C-alpha cells in the first residue's frame, strides 16, 4: 500500500470520509473517558500512561500510535494516508473534545455518554476503514504479525495484544469497568454493521464492467 494510496478513485469522498471518521473516533473516545465507566483495552493503556506521565490523553494516544507504527517496519507493513492520519488526528480531536466535556455528572448521563461513545466508535471505524486509505496502526500491527506468522489467527493475536495492554493499563491506573465489557461485546457487531455500509466501492478494472451503483465490496475488520 503506497503512503498516499490510490486517490484517483473518488478522492473527495474518500478523504472527507477518512477525516470525518477519524474525527468521530476521537470524539467517541472522549465520550467514553468522560463516562468514567470503563474504556476499551488500548484506551485503558493510554489513560494509565497519561496518569503516569502527566501528559494529556491525546498526546499519549499520538505517542503510542507512533511507536506502534515503528513496529510495522520489521513486519514490512506499508502505511497508508489513513494510517498516518490516524496517529495524529484522533489524538488532537480527543484532547479538544475532553476540554469541552465536563467531568462527573449523574449516572444516567454517564451511561448515555458510554452508549453514545461505543456506537459512535463503531460508526467511526466503518467510516475510516471504508475509505480504503489504510488501517489504524494498532490493527495493522495485528494483521502484519499474522501475515508474517501465517499459522496464527488475527483473532488470537488481537486477543493476546489487547489483554496485554488492558492489564498494563489497569496496573497504571486506567479505568476498567462495565464500559470495557460493553465495548468488547458491542464493537464487533457494530463494525460488521458499519464497515459494509460506508465502504467505498473499489474501482473497476478497465476490462471489467462497472459495479452496480450503491454496492460496495465488503471490508473485513481486523479481528
Protein backbone atom coordinates (compact mmCIF):
# COMPACT_ATOMS: atom_id res chain seq x y z
CA UNK A 1 0.00 0.00 0.00
CA UNK A 2 1.52 3.32 -1.03
CA UNK A 3 1.69 6.04 1.60
CA UNK A 4 -0.87 8.20 -0.18
CA UNK A 5 -2.84 5.27 -1.50
CA UNK A 6 -4.73 5.31 -4.80
CA UNK A 7 -6.63 8.60 -4.64
CA UNK A 8 -7.57 8.63 -8.29
CA UNK A 9 -10.78 6.80 -7.45
CA UNK A 10 -13.36 9.01 -5.70
CA UNK A 11 -10.71 11.13 -3.95
CA UNK A 12 -13.07 13.75 -2.48
CA UNK A 13 -15.46 11.24 -0.93
CA UNK A 14 -12.67 9.09 0.43
CA UNK A 15 -10.75 11.97 2.01
CA UNK A 16 -13.88 13.50 3.53
CA UNK A 17 -14.96 10.11 4.84
CA UNK A 18 -11.50 9.36 6.24
CA UNK A 19 -11.20 12.57 8.25
CA UNK A 20 -14.84 12.54 9.32
CA UNK A 21 -14.30 9.01 10.63
CA UNK A 22 -11.07 9.87 12.43
CA UNK A 23 -12.66 12.95 13.99
CA UNK A 24 -15.68 10.97 15.13
CA UNK A 25 -13.36 8.31 16.55
CA UNK A 26 -11.64 10.93 18.70
CA UNK A 27 -15.00 12.25 19.91
CA UNK A 28 -16.17 8.73 20.75
CA UNK A 29 -13.05 8.12 22.83
CA UNK A 30 -13.63 11.33 24.77
CA UNK A 31 -17.26 10.38 25.45
CA UNK A 32 -16.18 7.04 26.92
CA UNK A 33 -13.46 8.70 29.00
CA UNK A 34 -15.97 11.18 30.47
CA UNK A 35 -18.43 8.38 31.24
CA UNK A 36 -15.84 7.03 33.73
CA UNK A 37 -17.44 3.59 33.36
CA UNK A 38 -14.60 1.78 31.61
CA UNK A 39 -12.64 2.07 28.38
CA UNK A 40 -11.56 -0.24 25.57
CA UNK A 41 -8.20 -2.00 26.18
CA UNK A 42 -5.97 0.42 24.26
CA UNK A 43 -7.60 3.45 25.89
CA UNK A 44 -7.20 1.90 29.35
CA UNK A 45 -3.49 1.74 28.46
CA UNK A 46 -3.48 5.33 27.13
CA UNK A 47 -5.22 6.61 30.26
CA UNK A 48 -2.83 4.73 32.53
CA UNK A 49 0.19 6.19 30.73
CA UNK A 50 -1.40 9.65 30.88
CA UNK A 51 -1.72 9.38 34.65
CA UNK A 52 1.83 8.09 34.96
CA UNK A 53 3.48 10.72 32.75
CA UNK A 54 1.23 13.71 33.31
CA UNK A 55 0.79 14.09 29.54
CA UNK A 56 -2.64 14.65 28.06
CA UNK A 57 -4.70 11.67 26.95
CA UNK A 58 -4.45 12.75 23.31
CA UNK A 59 -0.69 13.28 23.47
CA UNK A 60 -0.22 9.77 24.85
CA UNK A 61 -2.52 8.38 22.15
CA UNK A 62 -0.37 10.03 19.46
CA UNK A 63 2.87 8.84 21.05
CA UNK A 64 1.71 5.24 21.41
CA UNK A 65 0.36 5.26 17.85
CA UNK A 66 3.72 6.48 16.52
CA UNK A 67 5.62 3.80 18.46
CA UNK A 68 3.25 1.09 17.22
CA UNK A 69 3.75 2.36 13.68
CA UNK A 70 7.51 1.86 14.08
CA UNK A 71 6.80 -1.80 14.81
CA UNK A 72 5.43 -2.07 11.26
CA UNK A 73 8.99 -1.79 9.92
CA UNK A 74 10.20 -5.31 10.85
CA UNK A 75 6.78 -6.63 9.77
CA UNK A 76 7.31 -4.99 6.34
CA UNK A 77 3.97 -3.24 6.51
CA UNK A 78 3.48 -0.06 4.48
CA UNK A 79 1.23 2.63 5.96
CA UNK A 80 -1.45 4.44 4.03
CA UNK A 81 -2.54 8.05 4.34
CA UNK A 82 -5.26 6.88 6.71
CA UNK A 83 -2.69 5.15 8.92
CA UNK A 84 -0.53 8.25 9.39
CA UNK A 85 -3.58 10.49 9.77
CA UNK A 86 -4.96 8.09 12.38
CA UNK A 87 -1.92 8.65 14.60
CA UNK A 88 -2.25 12.44 14.60
CA UNK A 89 -5.91 13.35 14.08
CA UNK A 90 -7.51 11.13 16.72
CA UNK A 91 -5.20 12.36 19.46
CA UNK A 92 -5.82 16.01 18.63
CA UNK A 93 -9.59 15.55 18.49
CA UNK A 94 -9.84 13.57 21.72
CA UNK A 95 -7.95 16.29 23.63
CA UNK A 96 -10.11 19.04 22.14
CA UNK A 97 -13.30 17.15 22.98
CA UNK A 98 -12.17 16.37 26.54
CA UNK A 99 -11.52 20.08 27.04
CA UNK A 100 -15.17 20.79 26.16
CA UNK A 101 -16.86 17.98 28.09
CA UNK A 102 -17.38 18.39 31.85
CA UNK A 103 -16.30 15.66 34.22
CA UNK A 104 -18.61 13.77 36.56
CA UNK A 105 -22.40 14.06 36.35
CA UNK A 106 -25.34 11.80 37.20
CA UNK A 107 -25.04 8.08 36.48
CA UNK A 108 -27.76 8.27 33.83
CA UNK A 109 -25.83 10.90 31.89
CA UNK A 110 -22.61 8.88 32.16
CA UNK A 111 -24.38 5.75 30.86
CA UNK A 112 -25.69 7.79 27.91
CA UNK A 113 -22.15 9.04 27.21
CA UNK A 114 -20.85 5.48 27.26
CA UNK A 115 -23.52 4.11 24.91
CA UNK A 116 -23.16 7.05 22.52
CA UNK A 117 -19.39 6.68 22.58
CA UNK A 118 -19.48 2.97 21.76
CA UNK A 119 -21.95 3.39 18.88
CA UNK A 120 -20.03 6.39 17.53
CA UNK A 121 -16.82 4.37 17.74
CA UNK A 122 -18.35 1.64 15.59
CA UNK A 123 -19.58 4.17 13.02
CA UNK A 124 -16.19 5.92 13.01
CA UNK A 125 -14.44 2.60 12.39
CA UNK A 126 -16.70 1.96 9.42
CA UNK A 127 -16.06 5.44 8.01
CA UNK A 128 -12.27 5.48 8.16
CA UNK A 129 -11.77 1.83 7.15
CA UNK A 130 -14.38 2.18 4.41
CA UNK A 131 -12.35 4.99 2.85
CA UNK A 132 -9.72 2.35 1.96
CA UNK A 133 -6.75 4.58 2.74
CA UNK A 134 -5.06 2.37 5.31
CA UNK A 135 -5.90 0.80 8.67
CA UNK A 136 -5.02 2.25 12.06
CA UNK A 137 -1.53 1.45 13.38
CA UNK A 138 -2.84 -0.96 16.02
CA UNK A 139 -4.95 -3.00 13.60
CA UNK A 140 -2.08 -3.02 11.11
CA UNK A 141 0.22 -4.38 13.80
CA UNK A 142 -2.11 -7.35 14.32
CA UNK A 143 -2.65 -8.12 10.65
CA UNK A 144 1.05 -7.59 9.87
CA UNK A 145 2.10 -10.05 12.56
CA UNK A 146 -0.33 -12.64 11.22
CA UNK A 147 0.98 -12.10 7.68
CA UNK A 148 4.48 -12.92 8.94
CA UNK A 149 3.19 -15.87 11.00
CA UNK A 150 0.51 -17.47 8.81
CA UNK A 151 -0.29 -20.12 11.39
CA UNK A 152 -1.65 -17.55 13.84
CA UNK A 153 -5.20 -16.23 13.58
CA UNK A 154 -5.92 -12.49 13.67
CA UNK A 155 -8.42 -13.11 16.47
CA UNK A 156 -5.82 -14.87 18.63
CA UNK A 157 -3.14 -12.22 18.03
CA UNK A 158 -5.63 -9.42 18.68
CA UNK A 159 -6.77 -11.05 21.93
CA UNK A 160 -3.22 -11.50 23.21
CA UNK A 161 -2.23 -7.92 22.40
CA UNK A 162 -5.39 -6.36 23.83
CA UNK A 163 -5.34 -8.43 27.02
CA UNK A 164 -1.71 -7.37 27.49
CA UNK A 165 -2.34 -3.64 27.03
CA UNK A 166 -5.50 -3.89 29.16
CA UNK A 167 -3.57 -5.46 32.04
CA UNK A 168 -0.75 -2.91 31.76
CA UNK A 169 -3.22 -0.03 31.58
CA UNK A 170 -5.12 -1.28 34.63
CA UNK A 171 -1.88 -1.59 36.61
CA UNK A 172 -1.07 2.01 35.64
CA UNK A 173 -4.47 3.23 36.86
CA UNK A 174 -6.57 3.16 33.70
CA UNK A 175 -10.34 2.77 34.09
CA UNK A 176 -11.62 -0.78 33.68
CA UNK A 177 -15.32 -1.34 34.24
CA UNK A 178 -18.66 -2.18 32.73
CA UNK A 179 -17.79 0.00 29.74
CA UNK A 180 -14.81 -2.22 28.97
CA UNK A 181 -17.06 -5.27 28.81
CA UNK A 182 -19.78 -3.41 26.88
CA UNK A 183 -17.25 -2.25 24.31
CA UNK A 184 -15.82 -5.75 23.88
CA UNK A 185 -19.30 -7.20 23.28
CA UNK A 186 -20.63 -4.43 21.04
CA UNK A 187 -17.76 -3.31 18.83
CA UNK A 188 -17.66 -6.46 16.68
CA UNK A 189 -21.35 -6.36 15.67
CA UNK A 190 -21.17 -2.56 15.22
CA UNK A 191 -18.14 -2.85 12.95
CA UNK A 192 -19.86 -5.58 10.92
CA UNK A 193 -22.83 -3.21 10.52
CA UNK A 194 -21.00 -0.01 9.66
CA UNK A 195 -18.00 -1.17 7.61
CA UNK A 196 -20.04 -2.54 4.67
CA UNK A 197 -22.39 0.45 4.96
CA UNK A 198 -19.61 3.01 4.47
CA UNK A 199 -17.21 1.02 2.27
CA UNK A 200 -16.29 2.91 -0.88
CA UNK A 201 -16.68 0.58 -3.89
CA UNK A 202 -13.38 -0.41 -5.46
CA UNK A 203 -12.62 0.96 -8.90
CA UNK A 204 -13.47 -1.49 -11.67
CA UNK A 205 -10.58 -2.71 -13.82
CA UNK A 206 -10.61 -1.36 -17.41
CA UNK A 207 -11.76 -4.72 -18.79
CA UNK A 208 -14.38 -5.28 -16.08
CA UNK A 209 -17.94 -3.99 -16.01
CA UNK A 210 -18.67 -1.13 -13.62
CA UNK A 211 -20.06 -2.31 -10.30
CA UNK A 212 -23.69 -1.71 -9.52
CA UNK A 213 -24.20 1.80 -8.07
CA UNK A 214 -24.54 1.75 -4.33
CA UNK A 215 -22.87 -1.64 -3.95
CA UNK A 216 -19.59 -1.78 -2.08
CA UNK A 217 -17.14 -4.61 -1.77
CA UNK A 218 -17.14 -5.96 1.78
CA UNK A 219 -14.36 -4.96 4.13
CA UNK A 220 -13.40 -7.33 6.91
CA UNK A 221 -12.37 -5.63 10.15
CA UNK A 222 -9.22 -6.80 11.87
CA UNK A 223 -10.13 -9.41 14.45
